[in-house]
Amino acid sequence: MNKNVEHWNNIYETKGPSEVSWTEDYPSYSIEFIESLSLDKSLPIIDIGGGDSRVVDSLLELGFDNITVLDISENALNRAKLRLGKISNKIEWISCDILNFKPKKTYNLWHDRACFHFLTEPKHINYYKNVVRKNVINHLLISTFSDRGPLKCSGLQVSRYNCDTIKSNFEDSFKLIDCEYKIHKTPFNTKQSFIYSSFKRKFN
């Protein structure tokens, strides 16, 4: 088994939501950004590294009906399916390392909260960027640890970004629309600094 897959499956097998730093009772920052885009709710959306986050719950409540959730951990996705019950059948679930992801369709919105920053090698970052460039036709929303954020998460090194460095990664195909520093309060009452960046596809 892929070492990273094993790592994340073990975390979701041994730890509950209150024991991992990324848990949000309600993903307010992501949903505020998504709502601000006034999207056609019938067009495809993908949540990268969605795990058992509640972004998918919120998207369903808002009326989106073409949702894909990708995560490296099948255990994480199974948690989300269990929580959602029968309505989970409306979602396309993909258990896959982002570095092995070969999309079969394009997406109107690509949402990623705290997946991209786990890529630390240039070849891996470039693979991710190429997938985005080829398969995102409109909006890109990425949140990562900021340059004021942690150096590690779940025992793994991360890449930290500011608004200029995140912009430089995607500006060949996307225009940065908004970038904001946000503080995430973890279940253990510690604080983590993120940046939330919203991009629009360039068509020229």
N, C-alpha and C. Protein backbone atom coordinates (compact mmCIF):
# COMPACT_ATOMS: atom_id res chain seq x y z
N MET A 1 0.84 -1.21 0.00
CA MET A 1 0.00 0.00 0.00
C MET A 1 0.88 1.26 0.00
N ASN A 2 0.46 2.26 -0.73
CA ASN A 2 1.11 3.57 -0.72
C ASN A 2 1.30 4.04 0.73
N LYS A 3 2.52 4.48 1.04
CA LYS A 3 2.86 4.90 2.41
C LYS A 3 1.95 6.02 2.91
N ASN A 4 1.63 6.97 2.02
CA ASN A 4 0.75 8.07 2.41
C ASN A 4 -0.68 7.60 2.65
N VAL A 5 -1.13 6.67 1.83
CA VAL A 5 -2.47 6.11 2.03
C VAL A 5 -2.55 5.43 3.39
N GLU A 6 -1.53 4.65 3.70
CA GLU A 6 -1.49 3.95 4.99
C GLU A 6 -1.50 4.94 6.15
N HIS A 7 -0.73 6.00 6.01
CA HIS A 7 -0.64 7.03 7.06
C HIS A 7 -2.01 7.63 7.35
N TRP A 8 -2.71 8.04 6.29
CA TRP A 8 -3.99 8.72 6.49
C TRP A 8 -5.11 7.76 6.88
N ASN A 9 -5.09 6.55 6.34
CA ASN A 9 -6.09 5.57 6.77
C ASN A 9 -5.94 5.26 8.26
N ASN A 10 -4.70 5.18 8.72
CA ASN A 10 -4.46 4.92 10.14
C ASN A 10 -5.00 6.04 11.01
N ILE A 11 -4.80 7.28 10.58
CA ILE A 11 -5.30 8.43 11.34
C ILE A 11 -6.82 8.37 11.46
N TYR A 12 -7.49 8.11 10.35
CA TYR A 12 -8.96 8.10 10.38
C TYR A 12 -9.52 6.84 11.05
N GLU A 13 -8.66 5.83 11.21
CA GLU A 13 -9.09 4.62 11.91
C GLU A 13 -8.94 4.78 13.42
N THR A 14 -7.94 5.57 13.83
CA THR A 14 -7.60 5.64 15.26
C THR A 14 -7.99 6.93 15.96
N LYS A 15 -8.36 7.97 15.19
CA LYS A 15 -8.67 9.26 15.80
C LYS A 15 -10.04 9.75 15.37
N GLY A 16 -10.76 10.33 16.31
CA GLY A 16 -12.05 10.93 16.02
C GLY A 16 -11.89 12.38 15.61
N PRO A 17 -12.98 13.01 15.15
CA PRO A 17 -12.91 14.41 14.70
C PRO A 17 -12.34 15.37 15.74
N SER A 18 -12.61 15.12 17.02
CA SER A 18 -12.12 16.03 18.05
C SER A 18 -10.64 15.85 18.34
N GLU A 19 -10.03 14.85 17.70
CA GLU A 19 -8.62 14.55 17.96
C GLU A 19 -7.70 14.96 16.82
N VAL A 20 -8.26 15.59 15.78
CA VAL A 20 -7.43 16.05 14.66
C VAL A 20 -7.63 17.55 14.48
N SER A 21 -6.56 18.23 14.11
CA SER A 21 -6.56 19.69 14.16
C SER A 21 -7.46 20.34 13.12
N TRP A 22 -7.71 19.65 12.02
CA TRP A 22 -8.40 20.31 10.89
C TRP A 22 -9.91 20.32 10.99
N THR A 23 -10.46 19.68 12.00
CA THR A 23 -11.92 19.58 12.11
C THR A 23 -12.57 20.97 12.25
N GLU A 24 -13.64 21.16 11.48
CA GLU A 24 -14.48 22.35 11.60
C GLU A 24 -15.92 21.89 11.80
N ASP A 25 -16.59 22.40 12.82
CA ASP A 25 -18.01 22.07 12.99
C ASP A 25 -18.82 22.55 11.79
N TYR A 26 -18.44 23.72 11.28
CA TYR A 26 -19.06 24.25 10.07
C TYR A 26 -17.98 24.98 9.27
N PRO A 27 -17.79 24.62 8.00
CA PRO A 27 -16.70 25.21 7.20
C PRO A 27 -17.06 26.60 6.69
N SER A 28 -17.17 27.54 7.59
CA SER A 28 -17.71 28.86 7.24
C SER A 28 -16.89 29.59 6.18
N TYR A 29 -15.58 29.57 6.30
CA TYR A 29 -14.76 30.32 5.34
C TYR A 29 -14.94 29.76 3.93
N SER A 30 -14.87 28.45 3.78
CA SER A 30 -15.03 27.83 2.46
C SER A 30 -16.40 28.14 1.88
N ILE A 31 -17.43 27.98 2.68
CA ILE A 31 -18.79 28.17 2.18
C ILE A 31 -19.05 29.63 1.84
N GLU A 32 -18.53 30.56 2.62
CA GLU A 32 -18.68 31.99 2.30
C GLU A 32 -18.04 32.30 0.95
N PHE A 33 -16.84 31.76 0.71
CA PHE A 33 -16.18 31.97 -0.57
C PHE A 33 -17.00 31.38 -1.70
N ILE A 34 -17.48 30.15 -1.51
CA ILE A 34 -18.25 29.47 -2.57
C ILE A 34 -19.54 30.22 -2.85
N GLU A 35 -20.25 30.64 -1.82
CA GLU A 35 -21.50 31.37 -2.03
C GLU A 35 -21.27 32.69 -2.76
N SER A 36 -20.12 33.31 -2.51
CA SER A 36 -19.83 34.60 -3.15
C SER A 36 -19.67 34.48 -4.66
N LEU A 37 -19.46 33.26 -5.17
CA LEU A 37 -19.23 33.05 -6.59
C LEU A 37 -20.53 32.95 -7.40
N SER A 38 -21.67 32.77 -6.70
CA SER A 38 -22.97 32.64 -7.37
C SER A 38 -22.92 31.62 -8.50
N LEU A 39 -22.52 30.41 -8.17
CA LEU A 39 -22.30 29.36 -9.17
C LEU A 39 -23.61 28.74 -9.66
N ASP A 40 -23.56 28.20 -10.87
CA ASP A 40 -24.62 27.33 -11.37
C ASP A 40 -24.50 26.01 -10.59
N LYS A 41 -25.52 25.68 -9.82
CA LYS A 41 -25.42 24.55 -8.89
C LYS A 41 -25.50 23.19 -9.57
N SER A 42 -25.76 23.19 -10.87
CA SER A 42 -25.81 21.92 -11.60
C SER A 42 -24.45 21.54 -12.20
N LEU A 43 -23.49 22.47 -12.17
CA LEU A 43 -22.18 22.21 -12.78
C LEU A 43 -21.26 21.50 -11.79
N PRO A 44 -20.30 20.72 -12.28
CA PRO A 44 -19.47 19.88 -11.42
C PRO A 44 -18.56 20.67 -10.47
N ILE A 45 -18.57 20.22 -9.22
CA ILE A 45 -17.69 20.73 -8.17
C ILE A 45 -16.90 19.56 -7.62
N ILE A 46 -15.62 19.77 -7.32
CA ILE A 46 -14.85 18.74 -6.63
C ILE A 46 -14.22 19.32 -5.37
N ASP A 47 -14.29 18.54 -4.29
CA ASP A 47 -13.67 18.90 -3.02
C ASP A 47 -12.46 17.99 -2.85
N ILE A 48 -11.28 18.58 -2.96
CA ILE A 48 -10.02 17.84 -2.90
C ILE A 48 -9.57 17.68 -1.45
N GLY A 49 -9.27 16.44 -1.07
CA GLY A 49 -8.89 16.18 0.32
C GLY A 49 -10.06 16.38 1.26
N GLY A 50 -11.28 16.16 0.74
CA GLY A 50 -12.49 16.45 1.51
C GLY A 50 -12.65 15.58 2.74
N GLY A 51 -12.10 14.36 2.70
CA GLY A 51 -12.17 13.48 3.87
C GLY A 51 -13.56 13.39 4.45
N ASP A 52 -13.63 13.56 5.76
CA ASP A 52 -14.96 13.56 6.39
C ASP A 52 -15.37 14.96 6.82
N SER A 53 -14.84 15.98 6.08
CA SER A 53 -15.22 17.36 6.40
C SER A 53 -16.68 17.58 6.05
N ARG A 54 -17.22 18.67 6.56
CA ARG A 54 -18.65 18.97 6.36
C ARG A 54 -18.89 19.91 5.19
N VAL A 55 -17.90 20.10 4.36
CA VAL A 55 -18.10 20.91 3.16
C VAL A 55 -19.17 20.28 2.28
N VAL A 56 -19.10 18.96 2.11
CA VAL A 56 -20.08 18.29 1.25
C VAL A 56 -21.49 18.42 1.81
N ASP A 57 -21.64 18.34 3.13
CA ASP A 57 -22.95 18.52 3.76
C ASP A 57 -23.53 19.89 3.40
N SER A 58 -22.67 20.90 3.52
CA SER A 58 -23.10 22.28 3.28
C SER A 58 -23.45 22.50 1.81
N LEU A 59 -22.67 21.90 0.91
CA LEU A 59 -22.96 22.04 -0.52
C LEU A 59 -24.31 21.41 -0.86
N LEU A 60 -24.58 20.26 -0.28
CA LEU A 60 -25.89 19.62 -0.50
C LEU A 60 -27.02 20.50 0.02
N GLU A 61 -26.82 21.08 1.19
CA GLU A 61 -27.85 21.95 1.77
C GLU A 61 -28.09 23.18 0.91
N LEU A 62 -27.06 23.63 0.22
CA LEU A 62 -27.18 24.81 -0.64
C LEU A 62 -27.80 24.47 -2.00
N GLY A 63 -27.96 23.18 -2.28
CA GLY A 63 -28.63 22.79 -3.51
C GLY A 63 -27.71 22.34 -4.63
N PHE A 64 -26.41 22.22 -4.37
CA PHE A 64 -25.51 21.70 -5.39
C PHE A 64 -25.79 20.22 -5.60
N ASP A 65 -25.80 19.80 -6.86
CA ASP A 65 -26.19 18.41 -7.12
C ASP A 65 -25.25 17.68 -8.07
N ASN A 66 -24.02 18.20 -8.19
CA ASN A 66 -23.02 17.55 -9.05
C ASN A 66 -21.68 17.62 -8.33
N ILE A 67 -21.60 16.89 -7.22
CA ILE A 67 -20.47 17.03 -6.29
C ILE A 67 -19.61 15.77 -6.29
N THR A 68 -18.30 15.97 -6.34
CA THR A 68 -17.32 14.90 -6.18
C THR A 68 -16.46 15.21 -4.96
N VAL A 69 -16.17 14.20 -4.17
CA VAL A 69 -15.26 14.34 -3.04
C VAL A 69 -14.11 13.36 -3.23
N LEU A 70 -12.90 13.88 -3.22
CA LEU A 70 -11.70 13.05 -3.35
C LEU A 70 -10.90 13.10 -2.07
N ASP A 71 -10.44 11.94 -1.63
CA ASP A 71 -9.54 11.90 -0.48
C ASP A 71 -8.63 10.68 -0.60
N ILE A 72 -7.44 10.81 -0.06
CA ILE A 72 -6.48 9.72 -0.08
C ILE A 72 -6.91 8.56 0.80
N SER A 73 -7.74 8.85 1.81
CA SER A 73 -8.15 7.85 2.79
C SER A 73 -9.57 7.36 2.55
N GLU A 74 -9.69 6.08 2.26
CA GLU A 74 -11.02 5.48 2.12
C GLU A 74 -11.75 5.50 3.46
N ASN A 75 -11.00 5.39 4.55
CA ASN A 75 -11.62 5.44 5.88
C ASN A 75 -12.30 6.78 6.12
N ALA A 76 -11.66 7.85 5.66
CA ALA A 76 -12.24 9.19 5.82
C ALA A 76 -13.53 9.30 5.03
N LEU A 77 -13.51 8.83 3.79
CA LEU A 77 -14.70 8.91 2.95
C LEU A 77 -15.83 8.06 3.52
N ASN A 78 -15.48 6.91 4.07
CA ASN A 78 -16.51 6.05 4.66
C ASN A 78 -17.19 6.73 5.84
N ARG A 79 -16.44 7.48 6.60
CA ARG A 79 -17.03 8.25 7.71
C ARG A 79 -18.06 9.24 7.19
N ALA A 80 -17.68 9.94 6.12
CA ALA A 80 -18.59 10.94 5.55
C ALA A 80 -19.85 10.26 5.01
N LYS A 81 -19.69 9.14 4.35
CA LYS A 81 -20.84 8.41 3.81
C LYS A 81 -21.78 7.96 4.94
N LEU A 82 -21.18 7.48 6.01
CA LEU A 82 -21.98 7.02 7.14
C LEU A 82 -22.76 8.18 7.75
N ARG A 83 -22.10 9.32 7.87
CA ARG A 83 -22.75 10.50 8.44
C ARG A 83 -23.92 10.97 7.58
N LEU A 84 -23.72 10.95 6.27
CA LEU A 84 -24.74 11.46 5.35
C LEU A 84 -25.88 10.47 5.12
N GLY A 85 -25.60 9.19 5.31
CA GLY A 85 -26.65 8.19 5.09
C GLY A 85 -27.00 8.06 3.61
N LYS A 86 -28.29 7.88 3.32
CA LYS A 86 -28.73 7.62 1.94
C LYS A 86 -28.37 8.74 0.97
N ILE A 87 -28.32 9.96 1.49
CA ILE A 87 -28.03 11.10 0.59
C ILE A 87 -26.61 11.01 0.03
N SER A 88 -25.75 10.19 0.67
CA SER A 88 -24.37 10.03 0.18
C SER A 88 -24.34 9.44 -1.23
N ASN A 89 -25.44 8.78 -1.63
CA ASN A 89 -25.51 8.21 -2.98
C ASN A 89 -25.54 9.28 -4.06
N LYS A 90 -25.82 10.51 -3.67
CA LYS A 90 -25.83 11.62 -4.64
C LYS A 90 -24.43 12.12 -4.96
N ILE A 91 -23.45 11.68 -4.17
CA ILE A 91 -22.07 12.18 -4.30
C ILE A 91 -21.22 11.17 -5.05
N GLU A 92 -20.28 11.66 -5.87
CA GLU A 92 -19.26 10.80 -6.44
C GLU A 92 -18.07 10.80 -5.49
N TRP A 93 -17.72 9.65 -4.95
CA TRP A 93 -16.62 9.52 -3.98
C TRP A 93 -15.42 8.91 -4.68
N ILE A 94 -14.27 9.54 -4.55
CA ILE A 94 -13.04 9.02 -5.17
C ILE A 94 -11.98 8.85 -4.09
N SER A 95 -11.57 7.61 -3.86
CA SER A 95 -10.49 7.32 -2.93
C SER A 95 -9.19 7.23 -3.72
N CYS A 96 -8.37 8.27 -3.60
CA CYS A 96 -7.20 8.37 -4.48
C CYS A 96 -6.20 9.38 -3.93
N ASP A 97 -4.94 9.08 -4.03
CA ASP A 97 -3.88 10.05 -3.77
C ASP A 97 -3.97 11.11 -4.87
N ILE A 98 -3.93 12.37 -4.52
CA ILE A 98 -4.02 13.43 -5.52
C ILE A 98 -2.93 13.27 -6.59
N LEU A 99 -1.80 12.68 -6.21
CA LEU A 99 -0.70 12.51 -7.15
C LEU A 99 -0.95 11.36 -8.14
N ASN A 100 -2.03 10.63 -7.95
CA ASN A 100 -2.43 9.59 -8.90
C ASN A 100 -3.74 9.92 -9.59
N PHE A 101 -4.27 11.11 -9.30
CA PHE A 101 -5.59 11.48 -9.80
C PHE A 101 -5.53 11.85 -11.27
N LYS A 102 -6.35 11.17 -12.07
CA LYS A 102 -6.47 11.47 -13.49
C LYS A 102 -7.96 11.70 -13.77
N PRO A 103 -8.42 12.93 -13.64
CA PRO A 103 -9.85 13.23 -13.77
C PRO A 103 -10.43 12.75 -15.09
N LYS A 104 -11.69 12.30 -15.01
CA LYS A 104 -12.41 11.86 -16.20
C LYS A 104 -13.35 12.95 -16.71
N LYS A 105 -13.38 14.07 -15.99
CA LYS A 105 -14.21 15.18 -16.44
C LYS A 105 -13.59 16.49 -15.94
N THR A 106 -14.14 17.59 -16.40
CA THR A 106 -13.66 18.90 -15.94
C THR A 106 -14.61 19.42 -14.86
N TYR A 107 -14.10 20.39 -14.10
CA TYR A 107 -14.84 20.90 -12.94
C TYR A 107 -15.01 22.42 -13.03
N ASN A 108 -16.21 22.86 -12.71
CA ASN A 108 -16.49 24.29 -12.66
C ASN A 108 -15.81 24.93 -11.46
N LEU A 109 -15.74 24.18 -10.36
CA LEU A 109 -15.07 24.65 -9.14
C LEU A 109 -14.22 23.53 -8.56
N TRP A 110 -13.00 23.89 -8.25
CA TRP A 110 -12.06 22.99 -7.55
C TRP A 110 -11.83 23.60 -6.18
N HIS A 111 -12.26 22.90 -5.13
CA HIS A 111 -12.09 23.39 -3.76
C HIS A 111 -11.09 22.49 -3.04
N ASP A 112 -10.12 23.12 -2.40
CA ASP A 112 -9.10 22.37 -1.67
C ASP A 112 -8.79 23.10 -0.37
N ARG A 113 -9.21 22.52 0.72
CA ARG A 113 -8.81 23.04 2.02
C ARG A 113 -7.80 22.09 2.65
N ALA A 114 -6.54 22.52 2.66
CA ALA A 114 -5.48 21.82 3.40
C ALA A 114 -5.04 20.50 2.78
N CYS A 115 -5.08 20.40 1.45
CA CYS A 115 -4.44 19.28 0.77
C CYS A 115 -3.16 19.74 0.07
N PHE A 116 -3.27 20.81 -0.70
CA PHE A 116 -2.13 21.30 -1.49
C PHE A 116 -0.90 21.54 -0.62
N HIS A 117 -1.08 22.01 0.62
CA HIS A 117 0.10 22.34 1.41
C HIS A 117 0.88 21.11 1.89
N PHE A 118 0.32 19.91 1.71
CA PHE A 118 1.08 18.70 2.04
C PHE A 118 2.07 18.32 0.94
N LEU A 119 1.99 18.97 -0.20
CA LEU A 119 2.94 18.72 -1.29
C LEU A 119 4.16 19.60 -1.08
N THR A 120 5.31 18.97 -0.93
CA THR A 120 6.53 19.72 -0.61
C THR A 120 7.61 19.58 -1.67
N GLU A 121 7.48 18.59 -2.55
CA GLU A 121 8.48 18.40 -3.60
C GLU A 121 8.01 19.08 -4.88
N PRO A 122 8.92 19.80 -5.57
CA PRO A 122 8.52 20.51 -6.79
C PRO A 122 7.80 19.63 -7.81
N LYS A 123 8.25 18.38 -7.98
CA LYS A 123 7.59 17.52 -8.99
C LYS A 123 6.15 17.21 -8.59
N HIS A 124 5.89 17.11 -7.28
CA HIS A 124 4.52 16.84 -6.82
C HIS A 124 3.64 18.08 -6.95
N ILE A 125 4.22 19.22 -6.61
CA ILE A 125 3.49 20.47 -6.76
C ILE A 125 3.14 20.70 -8.23
N ASN A 126 4.09 20.41 -9.11
CA ASN A 126 3.85 20.60 -10.54
C ASN A 126 2.79 19.64 -11.08
N TYR A 127 2.76 18.41 -10.55
CA TYR A 127 1.74 17.46 -10.98
C TYR A 127 0.36 18.01 -10.63
N TYR A 128 0.22 18.48 -9.40
CA TYR A 128 -1.05 19.05 -8.94
C TYR A 128 -1.46 20.21 -9.84
N LYS A 129 -0.52 21.11 -10.09
CA LYS A 129 -0.83 22.29 -10.90
C LYS A 129 -1.25 21.90 -12.32
N ASN A 130 -0.64 20.88 -12.87
CA ASN A 130 -1.00 20.43 -14.21
C ASN A 130 -2.41 19.85 -14.24
N VAL A 131 -2.78 19.10 -13.20
CA VAL A 131 -4.14 18.56 -13.13
C VAL A 131 -5.15 19.70 -13.07
N VAL A 132 -4.85 20.70 -12.26
CA VAL A 132 -5.73 21.87 -12.14
C VAL A 132 -5.84 22.60 -13.48
N ARG A 133 -4.71 22.81 -14.11
CA ARG A 133 -4.67 23.55 -15.37
C ARG A 133 -5.52 22.86 -16.45
N LYS A 134 -5.49 21.54 -16.47
CA LYS A 134 -6.19 20.79 -17.51
C LYS A 134 -7.67 20.56 -17.21
N ASN A 135 -8.04 20.61 -15.94
CA ASN A 135 -9.36 20.10 -15.58
C ASN A 135 -10.27 21.07 -14.84
N VAL A 136 -9.79 22.29 -14.57
CA VAL A 136 -10.63 23.28 -13.91
C VAL A 136 -10.99 24.36 -14.92
N ILE A 137 -12.28 24.50 -15.17
CA ILE A 137 -12.68 25.40 -16.26
C ILE A 137 -13.11 26.79 -15.79
N ASN A 138 -13.27 26.96 -14.49
CA ASN A 138 -13.78 28.26 -14.05
C ASN A 138 -13.14 28.76 -12.75
N HIS A 139 -13.48 28.13 -11.63
CA HIS A 139 -13.06 28.66 -10.33
C HIS A 139 -12.16 27.70 -9.57
N LEU A 140 -11.21 28.29 -8.86
CA LEU A 140 -10.27 27.54 -8.04
C LEU A 140 -10.22 28.19 -6.66
N LEU A 141 -10.48 27.40 -5.63
CA LEU A 141 -10.45 27.91 -4.25
C LEU A 141 -9.51 27.02 -3.45
N ILE A 142 -8.40 27.57 -3.02
CA ILE A 142 -7.39 26.80 -2.29
C ILE A 142 -7.09 27.47 -0.96
N SER A 143 -7.12 26.69 0.11
CA SER A 143 -6.68 27.20 1.40
C SER A 143 -5.52 26.34 1.90
N THR A 144 -4.51 27.01 2.38
CA THR A 144 -3.29 26.35 2.86
C THR A 144 -2.84 27.02 4.16
N PHE A 145 -1.91 26.38 4.85
CA PHE A 145 -1.26 27.07 5.95
C PHE A 145 -0.56 28.31 5.40
N SER A 146 -0.68 29.39 6.12
CA SER A 146 -0.01 30.63 5.71
C SER A 146 1.45 30.61 6.16
N ASP A 147 2.16 31.65 5.79
CA ASP A 147 3.55 31.77 6.22
C ASP A 147 3.67 32.02 7.72
N ARG A 148 2.54 32.20 8.37
CA ARG A 148 2.52 32.32 9.84
C ARG A 148 2.01 31.04 10.49
N GLY A 149 1.74 30.03 9.67
CA GLY A 149 1.12 28.81 10.15
C GLY A 149 2.12 27.75 10.57
N PRO A 150 1.62 26.56 10.93
CA PRO A 150 2.48 25.47 11.39
C PRO A 150 3.44 24.99 10.31
N LEU A 151 4.55 24.40 10.76
CA LEU A 151 5.52 23.81 9.85
C LEU A 151 5.18 22.36 9.53
N LYS A 152 4.39 21.75 10.42
CA LYS A 152 4.00 20.36 10.23
C LYS A 152 2.53 20.19 10.56
N CYS A 153 1.95 19.12 10.01
CA CYS A 153 0.58 18.73 10.36
C CYS A 153 0.51 17.21 10.32
N SER A 154 -0.04 16.63 11.35
CA SER A 154 -0.17 15.17 11.42
C SER A 154 1.18 14.48 11.24
N GLY A 155 2.23 15.12 11.74
CA GLY A 155 3.57 14.54 11.66
C GLY A 155 4.26 14.71 10.33
N LEU A 156 3.62 15.40 9.38
CA LEU A 156 4.18 15.57 8.04
C LEU A 156 4.59 17.03 7.80
N GLN A 157 5.67 17.19 7.07
CA GLN A 157 6.10 18.53 6.66
C GLN A 157 5.05 19.14 5.73
N VAL A 158 4.90 20.45 5.78
CA VAL A 158 4.00 21.14 4.87
C VAL A 158 4.72 22.30 4.19
N SER A 159 4.12 22.77 3.12
CA SER A 159 4.57 24.00 2.46
C SER A 159 3.66 25.13 2.92
N ARG A 160 4.24 26.25 3.29
CA ARG A 160 3.44 27.39 3.74
C ARG A 160 3.46 28.46 2.64
N TYR A 161 2.37 29.23 2.58
CA TYR A 161 2.22 30.19 1.49
C TYR A 161 1.75 31.54 2.01
N ASN A 162 2.09 32.57 1.25
CA ASN A 162 1.43 33.87 1.42
C ASN A 162 0.70 34.17 0.11
N CYS A 163 0.06 35.31 0.04
CA CYS A 163 -0.77 35.59 -1.14
C CYS A 163 0.05 35.68 -2.42
N ASP A 164 1.28 36.17 -2.32
CA ASP A 164 2.12 36.26 -3.52
C ASP A 164 2.59 34.89 -3.99
N THR A 165 2.98 34.03 -3.06
CA THR A 165 3.52 32.73 -3.47
C THR A 165 2.42 31.80 -3.96
N ILE A 166 1.23 31.89 -3.37
CA ILE A 166 0.14 31.04 -3.89
C ILE A 166 -0.27 31.54 -5.27
N LYS A 167 -0.28 32.83 -5.45
CA LYS A 167 -0.62 33.41 -6.76
C LYS A 167 0.37 32.93 -7.82
N SER A 168 1.65 32.91 -7.50
CA SER A 168 2.68 32.56 -8.47
C SER A 168 2.55 31.11 -8.95
N ASN A 169 1.94 30.26 -8.14
CA ASN A 169 1.79 28.86 -8.52
C ASN A 169 0.72 28.64 -9.59
N PHE A 170 -0.24 29.55 -9.67
CA PHE A 170 -1.38 29.31 -10.56
C PHE A 170 -1.62 30.41 -11.58
N GLU A 171 -0.81 31.47 -11.55
CA GLU A 171 -1.13 32.65 -12.35
C GLU A 171 -0.96 32.44 -13.86
N ASP A 172 -0.34 31.35 -14.27
CA ASP A 172 -0.24 31.12 -15.70
C ASP A 172 -1.61 30.86 -16.32
N SER A 173 -2.52 30.28 -15.54
CA SER A 173 -3.85 29.96 -16.06
C SER A 173 -5.01 30.59 -15.30
N PHE A 174 -4.72 31.13 -14.11
CA PHE A 174 -5.77 31.65 -13.25
C PHE A 174 -5.41 33.03 -12.70
N LYS A 175 -6.42 33.86 -12.61
CA LYS A 175 -6.25 35.19 -12.01
C LYS A 175 -6.66 35.14 -10.55
N LEU A 176 -5.81 35.63 -9.66
CA LEU A 176 -6.15 35.68 -8.25
C LEU A 176 -7.22 36.77 -8.03
N ILE A 177 -8.35 36.36 -7.48
CA ILE A 177 -9.45 37.28 -7.24
C ILE A 177 -9.42 37.80 -5.80
N ASP A 178 -9.13 36.91 -4.87
CA ASP A 178 -9.15 37.29 -3.46
C ASP A 178 -8.19 36.39 -2.70
N CYS A 179 -7.56 36.93 -1.69
CA CYS A 179 -6.68 36.14 -0.83
C CYS A 179 -6.73 36.76 0.57
N GLU A 180 -7.10 35.96 1.53
CA GLU A 180 -7.28 36.46 2.89
C GLU A 180 -6.64 35.52 3.91
N TYR A 181 -6.04 36.12 4.92
CA TYR A 181 -5.57 35.35 6.07
C TYR A 181 -6.76 35.05 6.97
N LYS A 182 -6.86 33.80 7.40
CA LYS A 182 -7.94 33.38 8.29
C LYS A 182 -7.34 32.55 9.43
N ILE A 183 -7.93 32.66 10.59
CA ILE A 183 -7.50 31.86 11.74
C ILE A 183 -8.47 30.71 11.96
N HIS A 184 -7.91 29.51 11.98
CA HIS A 184 -8.69 28.31 12.28
C HIS A 184 -8.44 27.93 13.74
N LYS A 185 -9.52 27.79 14.49
CA LYS A 185 -9.42 27.34 15.87
C LYS A 185 -9.61 25.83 15.90
N THR A 186 -8.61 25.12 16.36
CA THR A 186 -8.65 23.66 16.37
C THR A 186 -9.54 23.15 17.50
N PRO A 187 -9.89 21.85 17.47
CA PRO A 187 -10.68 21.28 18.57
C PRO A 187 -9.96 21.34 19.92
N PHE A 188 -8.62 21.57 19.88
CA PHE A 188 -7.88 21.63 21.15
C PHE A 188 -7.65 23.08 21.58
N ASN A 189 -8.39 24.01 20.96
CA ASN A 189 -8.33 25.44 21.30
C ASN A 189 -6.97 26.08 21.00
N THR A 190 -6.27 25.54 20.01
CA THR A 190 -5.10 26.23 19.49
C THR A 190 -5.51 26.94 18.20
N LYS A 191 -4.66 27.82 17.71
CA LYS A 191 -4.99 28.59 16.51
C LYS A 191 -3.97 28.33 15.41
N GLN A 192 -4.48 28.20 14.19
CA GLN A 192 -3.64 27.99 13.01
C GLN A 192 -3.96 29.06 11.98
N SER A 193 -2.92 29.61 11.39
CA SER A 193 -3.09 30.65 10.38
C SER A 193 -3.12 30.04 8.98
N PHE A 194 -4.21 30.29 8.27
CA PHE A 194 -4.40 29.83 6.89
C PHE A 194 -4.46 31.05 5.95
N ILE A 195 -4.26 30.80 4.67
CA ILE A 195 -4.73 31.75 3.66
C ILE A 195 -5.78 31.05 2.81
N TYR A 196 -6.82 31.79 2.48
CA TYR A 196 -7.87 31.33 1.57
C TYR A 196 -7.74 32.15 0.30
N SER A 197 -7.49 31.48 -0.81
CA SER A 197 -7.27 32.18 -2.07
C SER A 197 -8.26 31.71 -3.13
N SER A 198 -8.86 32.66 -3.80
CA SER A 198 -9.87 32.39 -4.82
C SER A 198 -9.34 32.86 -6.17
N PHE A 199 -9.42 31.97 -7.16
CA PHE A 199 -8.92 32.26 -8.51
C PHE A 199 -10.03 32.09 -9.54
N LYS A 200 -9.89 32.82 -10.63
CA LYS A 200 -10.80 32.70 -11.78
C LYS A 200 -9.98 32.34 -13.00
N ARG A 201 -10.49 31.41 -13.78
CA ARG A 201 -9.79 30.97 -14.96
C ARG A 201 -9.57 32.10 -15.95
N LYS A 202 -8.37 32.19 -16.51
CA LYS A 202 -8.09 33.13 -17.58
C LYS A 202 -8.49 32.50 -18.90
N PHE A 203 -9.11 33.28 -19.78
CA PHE A 203 -9.57 32.72 -21.05
C PHE A 203 -8.84 33.32 -22.24
N ASN A 204 -7.86 34.16 -21.98
CA ASN A 204 -7.13 34.74 -23.12
C ASN A 204 -5.77 34.10 -23.26
